[in-house]
């Protein structure tokens, strides 16, 4: 695997984790009635 592909994969994984965490936090914030 080339370095460019590895970098692309790392960015994609980061975006997926960040997006997933955002969805989870959004749900819990709605339940808290902030």
N, C-alpha and C. Protein backbone atom coordinates (compact mmCIF):
# COMPACT_ATOMS: atom_id res chain seq x y z
N UNK A 1 0.85 -1.20 0.00
CA UNK A 1 0.00 0.00 0.00
C UNK A 1 0.89 1.25 0.00
N UNK A 2 0.58 2.17 -0.88
CA UNK A 2 1.39 3.38 -0.97
C UNK A 2 1.07 4.33 0.17
N UNK A 3 1.97 5.28 0.38
CA UNK A 3 1.79 6.24 1.48
C UNK A 3 0.56 7.11 1.24
N UNK A 4 0.31 7.44 -0.04
CA UNK A 4 -0.85 8.29 -0.36
C UNK A 4 -2.15 7.57 -0.01
N UNK A 5 -2.23 6.28 -0.34
CA UNK A 5 -3.44 5.51 -0.02
C UNK A 5 -3.63 5.41 1.48
N UNK A 6 -2.53 5.24 2.21
CA UNK A 6 -2.60 5.13 3.67
C UNK A 6 -3.11 6.44 4.26
N UNK A 7 -2.64 7.56 3.73
CA UNK A 7 -3.07 8.87 4.21
C UNK A 7 -4.56 9.07 3.93
N UNK A 8 -4.97 8.68 2.72
CA UNK A 8 -6.38 8.80 2.35
C UNK A 8 -7.26 7.95 3.26
N UNK A 9 -6.79 6.76 3.56
CA UNK A 9 -7.54 5.84 4.42
C UNK A 9 -7.64 6.41 5.84
N UNK A 10 -6.56 7.00 6.32
CA UNK A 10 -6.55 7.58 7.67
C UNK A 10 -7.53 8.75 7.74
N UNK A 11 -7.55 9.59 6.71
CA UNK A 11 -8.47 10.73 6.67
C UNK A 11 -9.91 10.25 6.65
N UNK A 12 -10.17 9.22 5.86
CA UNK A 12 -11.51 8.67 5.74
C UNK A 12 -11.97 8.10 7.09
N UNK A 13 -11.08 7.38 7.76
CA UNK A 13 -11.41 6.80 9.06
C UNK A 13 -11.69 7.89 10.09
N UNK A 14 -10.87 8.94 10.05
CA UNK A 14 -11.06 10.05 10.99
C UNK A 14 -12.41 10.71 10.77
N UNK A 15 -12.76 10.93 9.50
CA UNK A 15 -14.04 11.56 9.17
C UNK A 15 -15.20 10.68 9.62
N UNK A 16 -15.06 9.37 9.45
CA UNK A 16 -16.13 8.45 9.83
C UNK A 16 -16.32 8.44 11.35
N UNK A 17 -15.22 8.40 12.09
CA UNK A 17 -15.30 8.40 13.56
C UNK A 17 -15.87 9.71 14.06
N UNK A 18 -15.42 10.83 13.49
CA UNK A 18 -15.89 12.16 13.91
C UNK A 18 -17.39 12.29 13.63
N UNK A 19 -17.80 11.84 12.45
CA UNK A 19 -19.21 11.90 12.09
C UNK A 19 -20.06 11.03 13.00
N UNK A 20 -19.58 9.84 13.29
CA UNK A 20 -20.31 8.95 14.17
C UNK A 20 -20.43 9.51 15.57
N UNK A 21 -19.34 10.09 16.08
CA UNK A 21 -19.35 10.68 17.42
C UNK A 21 -20.31 11.86 17.47
N UNK A 22 -20.36 12.64 16.38
CA UNK A 22 -21.25 13.80 16.32
C UNK A 22 -22.71 13.36 16.41
N UNK A 23 -23.05 12.30 15.69
CA UNK A 23 -24.43 11.79 15.71
C UNK A 23 -24.79 11.31 17.12
N UNK A 24 -23.88 10.60 17.76
CA UNK A 24 -24.13 10.10 19.12
C UNK A 24 -24.31 11.26 20.09
N UNK A 25 -23.45 12.27 19.99
CA UNK A 25 -23.54 13.42 20.89
C UNK A 25 -24.82 14.21 20.64
N UNK A 26 -25.23 14.32 19.38
CA UNK A 26 -26.45 15.05 19.04
C UNK A 26 -27.66 14.38 19.70
N UNK A 27 -27.70 13.06 19.64
CA UNK A 27 -28.80 12.33 20.26
C UNK A 27 -28.84 12.55 21.77
N UNK A 28 -27.67 12.47 22.43
CA UNK A 28 -27.64 12.62 23.88
C UNK A 28 -27.95 14.06 24.29
N UNK A 29 -27.56 15.04 23.46
CA UNK A 29 -27.87 16.44 23.77
C UNK A 29 -29.37 16.69 23.68
N UNK A 30 -30.02 16.06 22.72
CA UNK A 30 -31.47 16.24 22.59
C UNK A 30 -32.20 15.66 23.80
N UNK A 31 -31.68 14.58 24.36
CA UNK A 31 -32.31 13.95 25.52
C UNK A 31 -32.13 14.80 26.77
N UNK A 32 -31.08 15.61 26.82
CA UNK A 32 -30.78 16.39 28.03
C UNK A 32 -31.62 17.66 28.13
N UNK A 33 -32.26 18.06 27.04
CA UNK A 33 -33.05 19.30 27.04
C UNK A 33 -32.19 20.51 27.41
N UNK A 34 -31.12 20.72 26.70
CA UNK A 34 -30.20 21.82 27.00
C UNK A 34 -30.85 23.14 26.60
